[in-house]
Amino acid sequence: MTTRATYIATIIKLVVAAIISAVLFALVISAMRSPVSGPTRNYTAEFSDVSGLGANGDIRTRGVRIGKVRSIELRERDGKTIAEVEFTMEEPYELTDTTILAVKYQNLTGVRYIDADFGEKPGTPVEHLSLESTKPSFDITSLFNGLQPVLATMSTEDINRFTENAIALLQGDGGGLKPMLDDAQRIANLASDREQVISTLADNLARIADSMGGRSDGVVEFLRSVSFPIAKAMTVLEEFHKTATYGPEFLTPIKRLLDAYGLAPGADVDAMVTSAFASLEDAAEAVRLLPPAVAGLQIPASAPAGGGAGCSNGIAQLPTDVQILLSGSEVVVCNAG
């Protein structure tokens, strides 16, 4: 092949490559600028920060594109600079006073879009949303720069979890920010308080050692003695429930009897006994009469039929003193044959 033919072939290759590049570039630009299908309406919204958002950016809801950003202009209001975004949304989507607009990451290259959350309840149609109804763009660079000292102290597992949450955030999942910041805060607290924790722990151990002062055997024995009743109590936990359930029904009448007799906390039992029994002989007599008194309170299960039917010669007539002594008992004295 001659030099001229080689030169022409090279030129043709360059032209073909340039045409292919131009077509691909046109496709990319067309994809970026491609409008939504169907009729649209124009709206405006205010944002405190729209970093990464540009003209022809997407307006999406639940991941579906429903509009495009037309322009972004800076406005001065109350001494502050805000970004006013003009955008379109296709019908039947409509901006209302309950709609929340948020700037989110579309991909890892930093391209962002506006996410529209129309809420569950219908609102009043509007054409403009103020700062109260919008969420600004988040500067992830400043976050990572600020966390650089903390990231240096993180373990491999912590870094992996932190990275997963960061990727979720970059992909537009706003829920990834909170767990990522929680992990960073937890590690930051550990890094900043580690020396203080170790110092406090060492001081406490020193105080314990000084207090024990060679009495560790006694402390161990004390703990063992304490553990014994606790271990036994753990085996009868159900009985505590029974005591709490039925105990008041039994103890309440007992307490009433004690209160009626004046046996309250602090009562002088000796004085009460002295007033009840003037002498030792009176006390002995009272105790001697107690068995027949208690027997008189009992109700016999069965009384002899016919009032002494077991006596063939009839019941003996006892003296009055003996009748008082046997009163209430089930003893029957029969006549001799």
Protein backbone atom coordinates (compact mmCIF):
# COMPACT_ATOMS: atom_id res chain seq x y z
CA MET A 1 0.00 0.00 0.00
CA THR A 2 1.33 3.40 -1.03
CA THR A 3 1.81 6.28 1.39
CA ARG A 4 -1.15 8.12 -0.14
CA ALA A 5 -3.46 5.14 0.40
CA THR A 6 -2.30 4.79 4.03
CA TYR A 7 -2.94 8.48 4.62
CA ILE A 8 -6.48 8.25 3.19
CA ALA A 9 -7.27 5.18 5.31
CA THR A 10 -6.13 6.99 8.45
CA ILE A 11 -8.26 10.01 7.62
CA ILE A 12 -11.31 7.77 7.09
CA LYS A 13 -10.77 6.07 10.45
CA LEU A 14 -10.50 9.41 12.21
CA VAL A 15 -13.69 10.66 10.54
CA VAL A 16 -15.59 7.49 11.52
CA ALA A 17 -14.37 7.78 15.11
CA ALA A 18 -15.37 11.45 15.23
CA ILE A 19 -18.85 10.64 13.86
CA ILE A 20 -19.36 7.87 16.42
CA SER A 21 -18.20 10.18 19.23
CA ALA A 22 -20.53 12.91 18.05
CA VAL A 23 -23.48 10.52 17.91
CA LEU A 24 -22.77 9.22 21.41
CA PHE A 25 -22.38 12.76 22.72
CA ALA A 26 -25.66 13.73 21.11
CA LEU A 27 -27.38 10.73 22.69
CA VAL A 28 -26.04 11.66 26.12
CA ILE A 29 -27.11 15.27 25.73
CA SER A 30 -30.50 14.16 24.43
CA ALA A 31 -30.93 11.86 27.41
CA MET A 32 -30.05 14.69 29.76
CA ARG A 33 -32.29 17.18 28.04
CA SER A 34 -35.07 14.83 27.05
CA PRO A 35 -38.34 16.35 28.17
CA VAL A 36 -41.09 14.34 29.74
CA SER A 37 -43.91 13.16 27.53
CA GLY A 38 -47.32 14.75 27.71
CA PRO A 39 -48.52 18.20 28.75
CA THR A 40 -46.67 19.90 31.64
CA ARG A 41 -47.10 22.81 34.05
CA ASN A 42 -44.53 25.30 35.31
CA TYR A 43 -43.74 25.72 39.03
CA THR A 44 -41.11 27.40 41.22
CA ALA A 45 -39.60 26.50 44.58
CA GLU A 46 -37.05 28.03 46.96
CA PHE A 47 -34.03 26.11 48.27
CA SER A 48 -31.33 27.19 50.70
CA ASP A 49 -28.77 25.04 48.83
CA VAL A 50 -28.92 23.33 45.42
CA SER A 51 -25.29 22.19 45.10
CA GLY A 52 -24.96 19.62 42.32
CA LEU A 53 -28.35 20.41 40.79
CA GLY A 54 -28.36 21.91 37.30
CA ALA A 55 -30.69 22.80 34.49
CA ASN A 56 -32.41 19.82 32.87
CA GLY A 57 -32.14 17.91 36.14
CA ASP A 58 -34.90 15.42 36.82
CA ILE A 59 -38.00 15.89 38.95
CA ARG A 60 -38.91 12.46 40.31
CA THR A 61 -41.42 10.86 42.60
CA ARG A 62 -40.88 7.33 43.91
CA GLY A 63 -38.01 7.00 41.43
CA VAL A 64 -40.11 7.84 38.33
CA ARG A 65 -39.27 10.96 36.33
CA ILE A 66 -42.22 13.34 36.09
CA GLY A 67 -40.56 16.63 35.21
CA LYS A 68 -37.45 18.68 34.46
CA VAL A 69 -35.57 21.60 35.98
CA ARG A 70 -35.75 24.60 33.64
CA SER A 71 -33.57 27.15 35.39
CA ILE A 72 -31.92 28.09 38.70
CA GLU A 73 -31.53 31.71 39.81
CA LEU A 74 -30.26 33.35 42.99
CA ARG A 75 -32.57 35.70 44.88
CA GLU A 76 -31.98 38.05 47.81
CA ARG A 77 -34.58 37.83 50.55
CA ASP A 78 -34.37 39.18 54.11
CA GLY A 79 -30.62 39.57 53.82
CA LYS A 80 -30.16 35.95 52.74
CA THR A 81 -29.37 34.43 49.36
CA ILE A 82 -31.69 31.66 48.25
CA ALA A 83 -31.91 29.60 45.09
CA GLU A 84 -35.16 29.77 43.16
CA VAL A 85 -35.68 26.74 40.94
CA GLU A 86 -38.11 26.81 38.04
CA PHE A 87 -39.26 23.39 36.91
CA THR A 88 -42.00 21.56 35.08
CA MET A 89 -44.15 18.60 36.03
CA GLU A 90 -46.30 16.59 33.72
CA GLU A 91 -50.01 16.30 34.31
CA PRO A 92 -51.80 14.96 36.28
CA TYR A 93 -49.10 15.61 38.93
CA GLU A 94 -49.77 18.87 40.71
CA LEU A 95 -47.83 20.90 43.28
CA THR A 96 -49.73 21.41 46.57
CA ASP A 97 -49.03 23.03 49.92
CA THR A 98 -48.39 19.56 51.40
CA THR A 99 -45.72 18.61 48.83
CA ILE A 100 -42.13 18.27 50.08
CA LEU A 101 -39.29 18.79 47.59
CA ALA A 102 -35.79 17.50 48.43
CA VAL A 103 -32.51 17.60 46.49
CA LYS A 104 -31.02 14.07 46.41
CA TYR A 105 -28.13 12.20 44.81
CA GLN A 106 -29.01 10.52 41.53
CA ASN A 107 -25.76 8.55 41.17
CA LEU A 108 -22.22 8.30 42.49
CA THR A 109 -20.92 10.90 40.01
CA GLY A 110 -22.61 13.66 42.01
CA VAL A 111 -25.56 14.32 39.69
CA ARG A 112 -28.62 15.28 41.71
CA TYR A 113 -32.34 15.52 41.19
CA ILE A 114 -35.39 16.86 43.01
CA ASP A 115 -37.53 14.28 44.75
CA ALA A 116 -41.22 15.20 45.12
CA ASP A 117 -43.15 13.74 48.04
CA PHE A 118 -46.83 14.54 47.59
CA GLY A 119 -47.85 13.09 50.96
CA GLU A 120 -50.79 10.90 51.81
CA LYS A 121 -53.41 13.65 52.15
CA PRO A 122 -54.35 15.94 49.26
CA GLY A 123 -53.50 19.60 49.68
CA THR A 124 -54.34 22.93 48.10
CA PRO A 125 -52.83 23.43 44.62
CA VAL A 126 -50.04 26.05 44.53
CA GLU A 127 -47.52 27.28 41.99
CA HIS A 128 -44.70 28.15 44.39
CA LEU A 129 -43.14 26.50 47.46
CA SER A 130 -41.12 28.37 50.09
CA LEU A 131 -38.14 27.18 52.14
CA GLU A 132 -40.44 25.58 54.72
CA SER A 133 -41.50 22.96 52.15
CA THR A 134 -38.08 22.14 50.66
CA LYS A 135 -34.98 20.27 51.79
CA PRO A 136 -31.60 21.56 50.57
CA SER A 137 -28.74 19.66 49.01
CA PHE A 138 -26.36 18.00 51.46
CA ASP A 139 -22.63 18.63 51.13
CA ILE A 140 -21.15 15.18 51.66
CA THR A 141 -17.59 16.50 51.14
CA SER A 142 -17.67 18.64 54.25
CA LEU A 143 -19.02 15.68 56.21
CA PHE A 144 -16.16 13.36 55.23
CA ASN A 145 -13.58 16.09 55.79
CA GLY A 146 -14.92 16.69 59.28
CA LEU A 147 -15.00 12.98 60.07
CA GLN A 148 -11.45 12.31 58.88
CA PRO A 149 -9.94 12.17 62.44
CA VAL A 150 -12.74 9.88 63.58
CA LEU A 151 -12.46 7.54 60.60
CA ALA A 152 -8.81 6.95 61.47
CA THR A 153 -9.87 5.26 64.74
CA MET A 154 -12.54 2.98 63.24
CA SER A 155 -12.16 -0.77 62.90
CA THR A 156 -12.64 -2.65 59.63
CA GLU A 157 -16.21 -3.67 60.55
CA ASP A 158 -17.13 -0.11 61.50
CA ILE A 159 -15.67 1.25 58.27
CA ASN A 160 -17.61 -1.31 56.19
CA ARG A 161 -20.90 -0.39 57.90
CA PHE A 162 -20.11 3.30 57.57
CA THR A 163 -19.35 2.86 53.86
CA GLU A 164 -22.59 0.96 53.22
CA ASN A 165 -24.64 3.72 54.83
CA ALA A 166 -22.69 6.36 52.92
CA ILE A 167 -23.39 4.59 49.61
CA ALA A 168 -27.08 4.39 50.49
CA LEU A 169 -27.00 8.13 51.14
CA LEU A 170 -25.24 8.88 47.87
CA GLN A 171 -27.78 6.80 45.97
CA GLY A 172 -30.56 9.04 47.20
CA ASP A 173 -31.74 7.05 50.19
CA GLY A 174 -32.13 9.73 52.84
CA GLY A 175 -32.52 7.07 55.52
CA GLY A 176 -28.81 6.22 55.19
CA LEU A 177 -27.68 9.49 56.77
CA LYS A 178 -28.96 8.87 60.30
CA PRO A 179 -27.36 5.44 60.88
CA MET A 180 -24.13 6.70 59.31
CA LEU A 181 -24.00 9.65 61.68
CA ASP A 182 -24.95 7.39 64.60
CA ASP A 183 -21.98 5.13 63.84
CA ALA A 184 -19.67 8.12 63.57
CA GLN A 185 -20.99 9.59 66.82
CA ARG A 186 -20.55 6.28 68.64
CA ILE A 187 -16.95 5.97 67.48
CA ALA A 188 -16.28 9.63 68.25
CA ASN A 189 -17.55 9.20 71.80
CA LEU A 190 -15.35 6.14 72.24
CA ALA A 191 -12.31 7.95 70.87
CA SER A 192 -12.81 11.07 73.00
CA ASP A 193 -13.78 9.33 76.26
CA ARG A 194 -11.46 6.33 76.13
CA GLU A 195 -8.76 7.88 78.33
CA GLN A 196 -11.34 9.17 80.80
CA VAL A 197 -13.01 5.74 81.04
CA ILE A 198 -9.71 3.98 81.67
CA SER A 199 -8.68 6.59 84.26
CA THR A 200 -12.00 6.33 86.12
CA LEU A 201 -11.85 2.53 86.07
CA ALA A 202 -8.32 2.54 87.48
CA ASP A 203 -9.31 4.97 90.26
CA ASN A 204 -12.29 2.83 91.24
CA LEU A 205 -10.20 -0.33 91.33
CA ALA A 206 -7.63 1.48 93.51
CA ARG A 207 -10.34 2.54 95.98
CA ILE A 208 -11.66 -1.03 96.15
CA ALA A 209 -8.15 -2.38 96.79
CA ASP A 210 -7.52 0.18 99.55
CA SER A 211 -10.87 -0.54 101.20
CA MET A 212 -10.38 -4.31 101.19
CA GLY A 213 -6.83 -4.06 102.53
CA GLY A 214 -6.11 -7.78 102.80
CA ARG A 215 -9.67 -8.69 103.69
CA SER A 216 -10.49 -10.25 100.34
CA ASP A 217 -11.15 -13.66 101.93
CA GLY A 218 -13.80 -12.15 104.16
CA VAL A 219 -15.39 -10.32 101.26
CA VAL A 220 -15.54 -13.51 99.21
CA GLU A 221 -17.09 -15.40 102.12
CA PHE A 222 -19.61 -12.61 102.60
CA LEU A 223 -20.60 -12.73 98.93
CA ARG A 224 -20.92 -16.51 99.14
CA SER A 225 -23.17 -16.20 102.20
CA VAL A 226 -25.33 -13.63 100.46
CA SER A 227 -25.62 -15.77 97.35
CA PHE A 228 -26.96 -18.75 99.36
CA PRO A 229 -30.31 -17.21 100.46
CA ILE A 230 -30.70 -15.55 97.07
CA ALA A 231 -30.20 -18.90 95.30
CA LYS A 232 -32.71 -20.57 97.61
CA ALA A 233 -35.22 -17.77 97.09
CA MET A 234 -34.90 -18.17 93.33
CA THR A 235 -36.19 -21.76 93.66
CA VAL A 236 -39.44 -20.68 95.35
CA LEU A 237 -40.30 -17.57 93.37
CA GLU A 238 -43.83 -18.88 92.76
CA GLU A 239 -44.48 -18.96 96.52
CA PHE A 240 -43.89 -15.21 96.72
CA HIS A 241 -46.78 -14.74 94.31
CA LYS A 242 -49.02 -16.91 96.49
CA THR A 243 -48.01 -14.95 99.58
CA ALA A 244 -48.81 -11.68 97.87
CA THR A 245 -52.17 -13.04 96.70
CA TYR A 246 -53.46 -14.85 99.80
CA GLY A 247 -51.40 -13.27 102.56
CA PRO A 248 -53.55 -10.14 103.02
CA GLU A 249 -56.72 -12.27 103.36
CA PHE A 250 -55.16 -14.14 106.28
CA LEU A 251 -53.16 -11.39 107.94
CA THR A 252 -55.83 -8.67 107.80
CA PRO A 253 -58.15 -10.40 110.33
CA ILE A 254 -55.17 -11.21 112.55
CA LYS A 255 -54.17 -7.56 112.52
CA ARG A 256 -57.68 -6.49 113.42
CA LEU A 257 -57.65 -8.87 116.43
CA LEU A 258 -54.29 -7.54 117.54
CA ASP A 259 -55.49 -3.96 117.17
CA ALA A 260 -58.62 -4.78 119.15
CA TYR A 261 -56.49 -6.13 122.01
CA GLY A 262 -54.24 -3.08 121.83
CA LEU A 263 -51.22 -5.01 120.60
CA ALA A 264 -49.86 -2.26 118.42
CA PRO A 265 -46.16 -1.58 117.77
CA GLY A 266 -44.63 -0.17 120.94
CA ALA A 267 -47.32 -1.56 123.27
CA ASP A 268 -46.23 -2.46 126.82
CA VAL A 269 -47.08 -6.16 126.96
CA ASP A 270 -45.88 -6.51 130.58
CA ALA A 271 -48.27 -3.78 131.73
CA MET A 272 -51.15 -5.39 129.85
CA VAL A 273 -50.48 -8.80 131.45
CA THR A 274 -50.17 -7.18 134.90
CA SER A 275 -53.51 -5.39 134.51
CA ALA A 276 -55.22 -8.59 133.32
CA PHE A 277 -53.86 -10.82 136.10
CA ALA A 278 -53.37 -9.21 139.47
CA SER A 279 -51.42 -12.17 140.83
CA LEU A 280 -49.68 -15.35 139.73
CA GLU A 281 -52.50 -17.43 141.20
CA ASP A 282 -55.05 -15.68 138.94
CA ALA A 283 -52.93 -16.41 135.88
CA ALA A 284 -52.59 -20.05 136.82
CA GLU A 285 -56.36 -20.31 137.37
CA ALA A 286 -57.03 -18.75 133.97
CA VAL A 287 -54.68 -21.20 132.28
CA ARG A 288 -56.29 -24.11 134.13
CA LEU A 289 -59.74 -23.15 132.85
CA LEU A 290 -58.54 -22.71 129.23
CA PRO A 291 -58.92 -26.35 128.03
CA PRO A 292 -62.63 -26.68 128.92
CA ALA A 293 -63.28 -23.18 127.55
CA VAL A 294 -61.74 -24.08 124.19
CA ALA A 295 -63.55 -27.41 124.15
CA GLY A 296 -66.82 -25.59 124.79
CA LEU A 297 -66.30 -23.53 121.63
CA GLN A 298 -66.00 -26.64 119.47
CA ILE A 299 -69.10 -28.11 117.87
CA PRO A 300 -69.21 -31.92 118.19
CA ALA A 301 -69.33 -33.73 114.88
CA SER A 302 -72.04 -36.04 116.21
CA ALA A 303 -73.98 -35.98 119.51
CA PRO A 304 -74.96 -39.21 121.27
CA ALA A 305 -78.47 -40.16 120.28
CA GLY A 306 -80.96 -39.89 123.10
CA GLY A 307 -78.59 -37.95 125.42
CA GLY A 308 -76.55 -40.83 126.84
CA ALA A 309 -78.16 -43.76 125.14
CA GLY A 310 -74.92 -45.72 125.67
CA CYS A 311 -75.48 -45.83 129.45
CA SER A 312 -77.54 -48.94 130.42
CA ASN A 313 -78.22 -47.59 133.93
CA GLY A 314 -78.63 -43.94 132.91
CA ILE A 315 -76.45 -40.86 133.31
CA ALA A 316 -74.98 -40.12 136.69
CA GLN A 317 -75.92 -36.88 138.42
CA LEU A 318 -72.63 -35.03 139.06
CA PRO A 319 -71.94 -32.28 141.57
CA THR A 320 -72.17 -28.70 140.33
CA ASP A 321 -68.38 -28.14 140.50
CA VAL A 322 -67.72 -31.21 138.36
CA GLN A 323 -70.39 -30.19 135.82
CA ILE A 324 -68.70 -26.78 135.41
CA LEU A 325 -65.33 -28.47 134.94
CA LEU A 326 -66.64 -30.88 132.27
CA SER A 327 -68.85 -28.30 130.53
CA GLY A 328 -68.49 -28.43 126.76
CA SER A 329 -66.62 -31.73 126.72
CA GLU A 330 -67.89 -34.98 125.20
CA VAL A 331 -67.38 -36.98 128.45
CA VAL A 332 -70.51 -38.79 129.70
CA VAL A 333 -70.55 -40.32 133.22
CA CYS A 334 -72.89 -43.29 133.62
CA ASN A 335 -74.43 -44.76 136.79
CA ALA A 336 -72.86 -47.89 138.18
CA GLY A 337 -74.72 -51.17 137.73
